[in-house]
Structures are given as structure tokens and as C-alpha cells.
């Protein structure tokens, strides 16, 4: 991440990594981080008690499972999971997403476990 006047090209950033379920910071806005991730398969059911979480699909298809029904997103669509709402992302095919959430938000929210990973800065 740089403070120079250079735009962030999402396609270029996505081409720099292949790991699944590994968030990569590409920008910071005030106290928020803009992150990219590639997903495939099912994540874990979790909540973020103190913050909403924005998911924007860049490519592929993402199902955000909620206890009262699923939200299915295609490219160019976004959904905000409200704070405190239990959810579980699911991608049947490889899917690229952009996340927007407060700095330091733990990807697995309140459950922790082996899929917990800190976001890495993507140069």
C-alpha cells in the first residue's frame, strides 16, 4: 500500500496471489481497510458483534448464508452483513471479493479457529 497518487488496480492485485480465504489489504480509508480475497468452499459461521461487514463480488458467485435465508451475489453486487448477524460465506466456484471493514477486524469474528488469519498487506 502506498500513499502516492497511483490508483489501485484490483485485477492486478488479484493476480498477485492465489491463496484462498486469505485477506489482502490494498487500501486504508480512515479507520477502515479495503481488502481483497479469493474464496472457494465454505467458511465458518460467525458474527462480528461490533461492526457491519461489506462484501462486494468482483468475479464468481458468493452465497452469504444467514440463519433466516441466503443472499446470493454475482459480479458487481454487494451486501452488508449487519453487526451481530451470524453468517457464513460460501463460494461453490472460485470467487474474488472486496471487503470493507474496520481495521483489525478478525475474519472469523467471534469463533476463532484454524481459519483465523490476519489480513496481509499486498504491495
C-alpha atoms as a PDB file:
ATOM      1  CA  UNK A   1       0.000   0.000   0.000  1.00  0.00           C
ATOM      2  CA  UNK A   2       1.283   3.372  -0.923  1.00  0.00           C
ATOM      3  CA  UNK A   3       0.332   6.946  -0.205  1.00  0.00           C
ATOM      4  CA  UNK A   4       1.320   8.019  -3.720  1.00  0.00           C
ATOM      5  CA  UNK A   5      -1.239   9.215  -6.245  1.00  0.00           C
ATOM      6  CA  UNK A   6      -1.475   5.864  -8.006  1.00  0.00           C
ATOM      7  CA  UNK A   7      -4.832   4.112  -8.390  1.00  0.00           C
ATOM      8  CA  UNK A   8      -5.268   0.577  -7.116  1.00  0.00           C
ATOM      9  CA  UNK A   9      -5.937  -1.814  -9.990  1.00  0.00           C
ATOM     10  CA  UNK A  10      -7.991  -4.637  -8.483  1.00  0.00           C
ATOM     11  CA  UNK A  11      -7.284  -7.093 -11.320  1.00  0.00           C
ATOM     12  CA  UNK A  12      -3.528  -6.553 -10.919  1.00  0.00           C
ATOM     13  CA  UNK A  13      -3.763  -7.031  -7.166  1.00  0.00           C
ATOM     14  CA  UNK A  14      -5.832 -10.205  -7.522  1.00  0.00           C
ATOM     15  CA  UNK A  15      -3.225 -11.612  -9.941  1.00  0.00           C
ATOM     16  CA  UNK A  16      -0.567 -11.319  -7.209  1.00  0.00           C
ATOM     17  CA  UNK A  17      -1.930 -14.105  -5.006  1.00  0.00           C
ATOM     18  CA  UNK A  18      -3.702 -17.449  -5.206  1.00  0.00           C
ATOM     19  CA  UNK A  19      -4.339 -18.405  -1.568  1.00  0.00           C
ATOM     20  CA  UNK A  20      -7.972 -18.976  -0.674  1.00  0.00           C
ATOM     21  CA  UNK A  21      -9.606 -17.363   2.360  1.00  0.00           C
ATOM     22  CA  UNK A  22      -6.594 -15.081   2.880  1.00  0.00           C
ATOM     23  CA  UNK A  23      -7.448 -11.386   3.075  1.00  0.00           C
ATOM     24  CA  UNK A  24      -5.045  -8.916   1.425  1.00  0.00           C
ATOM     25  CA  UNK A  25      -5.122  -5.214   2.370  1.00  0.00           C
ATOM     26  CA  UNK A  26      -4.983  -2.975  -0.692  1.00  0.00           C
ATOM     27  CA  UNK A  27      -6.045   0.380   0.790  1.00  0.00           C
ATOM     28  CA  UNK A  28      -6.886   2.144   4.027  1.00  0.00           C
ATOM     29  CA  UNK A  29      -9.646   4.709   4.405  1.00  0.00           C
ATOM     30  CA  UNK A  30      -9.722   6.449   7.797  1.00  0.00           C
ATOM     31  CA  UNK A  31     -10.059   3.565  10.278  1.00  0.00           C
ATOM     32  CA  UNK A  32     -11.237   1.095   7.619  1.00  0.00           C
ATOM     33  CA  UNK A  33      -9.382  -1.418   5.494  1.00  0.00           C
ATOM     34  CA  UNK A  34     -10.175  -2.325   1.906  1.00  0.00           C
ATOM     35  CA  UNK A  35      -9.263  -5.976   1.396  1.00  0.00           C
ATOM     36  CA  UNK A  36      -9.323  -8.498  -1.419  1.00  0.00           C
ATOM     37  CA  UNK A  37      -9.801 -12.229  -1.016  1.00  0.00           C
ATOM     38  CA  UNK A  38     -10.294 -15.298  -3.142  1.00  0.00           C
ATOM     39  CA  UNK A  39     -12.806 -17.804  -1.853  1.00  0.00           C
ATOM     40  CA  UNK A  40     -13.831 -21.349  -2.651  1.00  0.00           C
ATOM     41  CA  UNK A  41     -15.801 -23.668  -0.436  1.00  0.00           C
ATOM     42  CA  UNK A  42     -17.487 -22.866   2.846  1.00  0.00           C
ATOM     43  CA  UNK A  43     -16.081 -20.620   5.575  1.00  0.00           C
ATOM     44  CA  UNK A  44     -17.238 -20.796   9.225  1.00  0.00           C
ATOM     45  CA  UNK A  45     -20.423 -19.497  10.827  1.00  0.00           C
ATOM     46  CA  UNK A  46     -19.521 -16.372  12.795  1.00  0.00           C
ATOM     47  CA  UNK A  47     -20.608 -12.905  13.882  1.00  0.00           C
ATOM     48  CA  UNK A  48     -18.938  -9.537  14.241  1.00  0.00           C
ATOM     49  CA  UNK A  49     -20.601  -8.043  17.312  1.00  0.00           C
ATOM     50  CA  UNK A  50     -19.170  -4.538  16.866  1.00  0.00           C
ATOM     51  CA  UNK A  51     -19.183  -3.909  13.134  1.00  0.00           C
ATOM     52  CA  UNK A  52     -21.017  -4.332   9.854  1.00  0.00           C
ATOM     53  CA  UNK A  53     -19.162  -6.131   7.039  1.00  0.00           C
ATOM     54  CA  UNK A  54     -19.388  -5.205   3.351  1.00  0.00           C
ATOM     55  CA  UNK A  55     -18.892  -7.900   0.684  1.00  0.00           C
ATOM     56  CA  UNK A  56     -18.524  -6.858  -2.993  1.00  0.00           C
ATOM     57  CA  UNK A  57     -18.191  -9.631  -5.580  1.00  0.00           C
ATOM     58  CA  UNK A  58     -15.644  -8.916  -8.305  1.00  0.00           C
ATOM     59  CA  UNK A  59     -15.864 -12.281 -10.070  1.00  0.00           C
ATOM     60  CA  UNK A  60     -17.582 -15.575  -9.428  1.00  0.00           C
ATOM     61  CA  UNK A  61     -20.607 -16.089  -7.207  1.00  0.00           C
ATOM     62  CA  UNK A  62     -20.885 -15.756  -3.434  1.00  0.00           C
ATOM     63  CA  UNK A  63     -23.629 -17.034  -1.170  1.00  0.00           C
ATOM     64  CA  UNK A  64     -23.789 -15.385   2.212  1.00  0.00           C
ATOM     65  CA  UNK A  65     -25.654 -17.863   4.338  1.00  0.00           C
ATOM     66  CA  UNK A  66     -27.778 -16.274   7.049  1.00  0.00           C
ATOM     67  CA  UNK A  67     -29.900 -18.104   9.600  1.00  0.00           C
ATOM     68  CA  UNK A  68     -33.078 -16.664   8.047  1.00  0.00           C
ATOM     69  CA  UNK A  69     -32.147 -17.158   4.362  1.00  0.00           C
ATOM     70  CA  UNK A  70     -29.300 -16.892   1.884  1.00  0.00           C
ATOM     71  CA  UNK A  71     -28.106 -13.852  -0.066  1.00  0.00           C
ATOM     72  CA  UNK A  72     -26.587 -14.731  -3.453  1.00  0.00           C
ATOM     73  CA  UNK A  73     -24.244 -12.229  -5.087  1.00  0.00           C
ATOM     74  CA  UNK A  74     -22.788 -12.101  -8.583  1.00  0.00           C
ATOM     75  CA  UNK A  75     -20.145  -9.805 -10.065  1.00  0.00           C
ATOM     76  CA  UNK A  76     -20.761  -6.143  -9.289  1.00  0.00           C
ATOM     77  CA  UNK A  77     -23.174  -6.886  -6.438  1.00  0.00           C
ATOM     78  CA  UNK A  78     -22.612  -6.091  -2.781  1.00  0.00           C
ATOM     79  CA  UNK A  79     -24.240  -6.885   0.523  1.00  0.00           C
ATOM     80  CA  UNK A  80     -23.685  -5.538   4.007  1.00  0.00           C
ATOM     81  CA  UNK A  81     -23.974  -8.045   6.840  1.00  0.00           C
ATOM     82  CA  UNK A  82     -25.203  -6.029   9.823  1.00  0.00           C
ATOM     83  CA  UNK A  83     -23.252  -6.189  13.058  1.00  0.00           C
ATOM     84  CA  UNK A  84     -24.220  -9.089  15.269  1.00  0.00           C
ATOM     85  CA  UNK A  85     -25.788 -11.140  12.432  1.00  0.00           C
ATOM     86  CA  UNK A  86     -24.458 -14.680  12.196  1.00  0.00           C
ATOM     87  CA  UNK A  87     -23.299 -15.507   8.666  1.00  0.00           C
ATOM     88  CA  UNK A  88     -21.236 -17.990   6.693  1.00  0.00           C
ATOM     89  CA  UNK A  89     -19.767 -17.178   3.255  1.00  0.00           C
ATOM     90  CA  UNK A  90     -19.928 -19.961   0.675  1.00  0.00           C
ATOM     91  CA  UNK A  91     -18.408 -19.988  -2.813  1.00  0.00           C
ATOM     92  CA  UNK A  92     -19.077 -23.033  -4.980  1.00  0.00           C
ATOM     93  CA  UNK A  93     -16.624 -21.723  -7.591  1.00  0.00           C
ATOM     94  CA  UNK A  94     -13.528 -19.591  -7.080  1.00  0.00           C
ATOM     95  CA  UNK A  95     -14.796 -16.117  -6.298  1.00  0.00           C
ATOM     96  CA  UNK A  96     -12.928 -12.825  -5.884  1.00  0.00           C
ATOM     97  CA  UNK A  97     -14.330 -10.333  -3.409  1.00  0.00           C
ATOM     98  CA  UNK A  98     -13.602  -6.937  -1.933  1.00  0.00           C
ATOM     99  CA  UNK A  99     -14.232  -6.477   1.791  1.00  0.00           C
ATOM    100  CA  UNK A 100     -14.623  -3.170   3.582  1.00  0.00           C
ATOM    101  CA  UNK A 101     -14.448  -3.244   7.360  1.00  0.00           C
ATOM    102  CA  UNK A 102     -12.767  -1.560  10.353  1.00  0.00           C
ATOM    103  CA  UNK A 103      -9.034  -2.100  10.703  1.00  0.00           C
ATOM    104  CA  UNK A 104      -8.222  -5.104  12.861  1.00  0.00           C
ATOM    105  CA  UNK A 105     -11.496  -6.951  12.240  1.00  0.00           C
ATOM    106  CA  UNK A 106     -10.899 -10.676  12.784  1.00  0.00           C
ATOM    107  CA  UNK A 107     -12.015 -12.689   9.740  1.00  0.00           C
ATOM    108  CA  UNK A 108     -13.623 -15.416  11.857  1.00  0.00           C
ATOM    109  CA  UNK A 109     -15.335 -12.948  14.172  1.00  0.00           C
ATOM    110  CA  UNK A 110     -16.381 -14.471  17.474  1.00  0.00           C
ATOM    111  CA  UNK A 111     -15.457 -18.108  16.743  1.00  0.00           C
ATOM    112  CA  UNK A 112     -11.699 -18.113  16.056  1.00  0.00           C
ATOM    113  CA  UNK A 113     -10.246 -21.445  14.996  1.00  0.00           C
ATOM    114  CA  UNK A 114      -7.887 -22.690  12.296  1.00  0.00           C
ATOM    115  CA  UNK A 115      -9.278 -20.400   9.574  1.00  0.00           C
ATOM    116  CA  UNK A 116      -8.425 -17.258  11.562  1.00  0.00           C
ATOM    117  CA  UNK A 117      -5.844 -15.221   9.647  1.00  0.00           C
ATOM    118  CA  UNK A 118      -4.713 -11.636   9.966  1.00  0.00           C
ATOM    119  CA  UNK A 119      -5.013  -9.594   6.788  1.00  0.00           C
ATOM    120  CA  UNK A 120      -1.704  -9.196   4.949  1.00  0.00           C
ATOM    121  CA  UNK A 121      -0.597  -6.045   3.159  1.00  0.00           C
ATOM    122  CA  UNK A 122      -0.440  -6.606  -0.581  1.00  0.00           C
ATOM    123  CA  UNK A 123       2.256  -4.447  -2.171  1.00  0.00           C
END
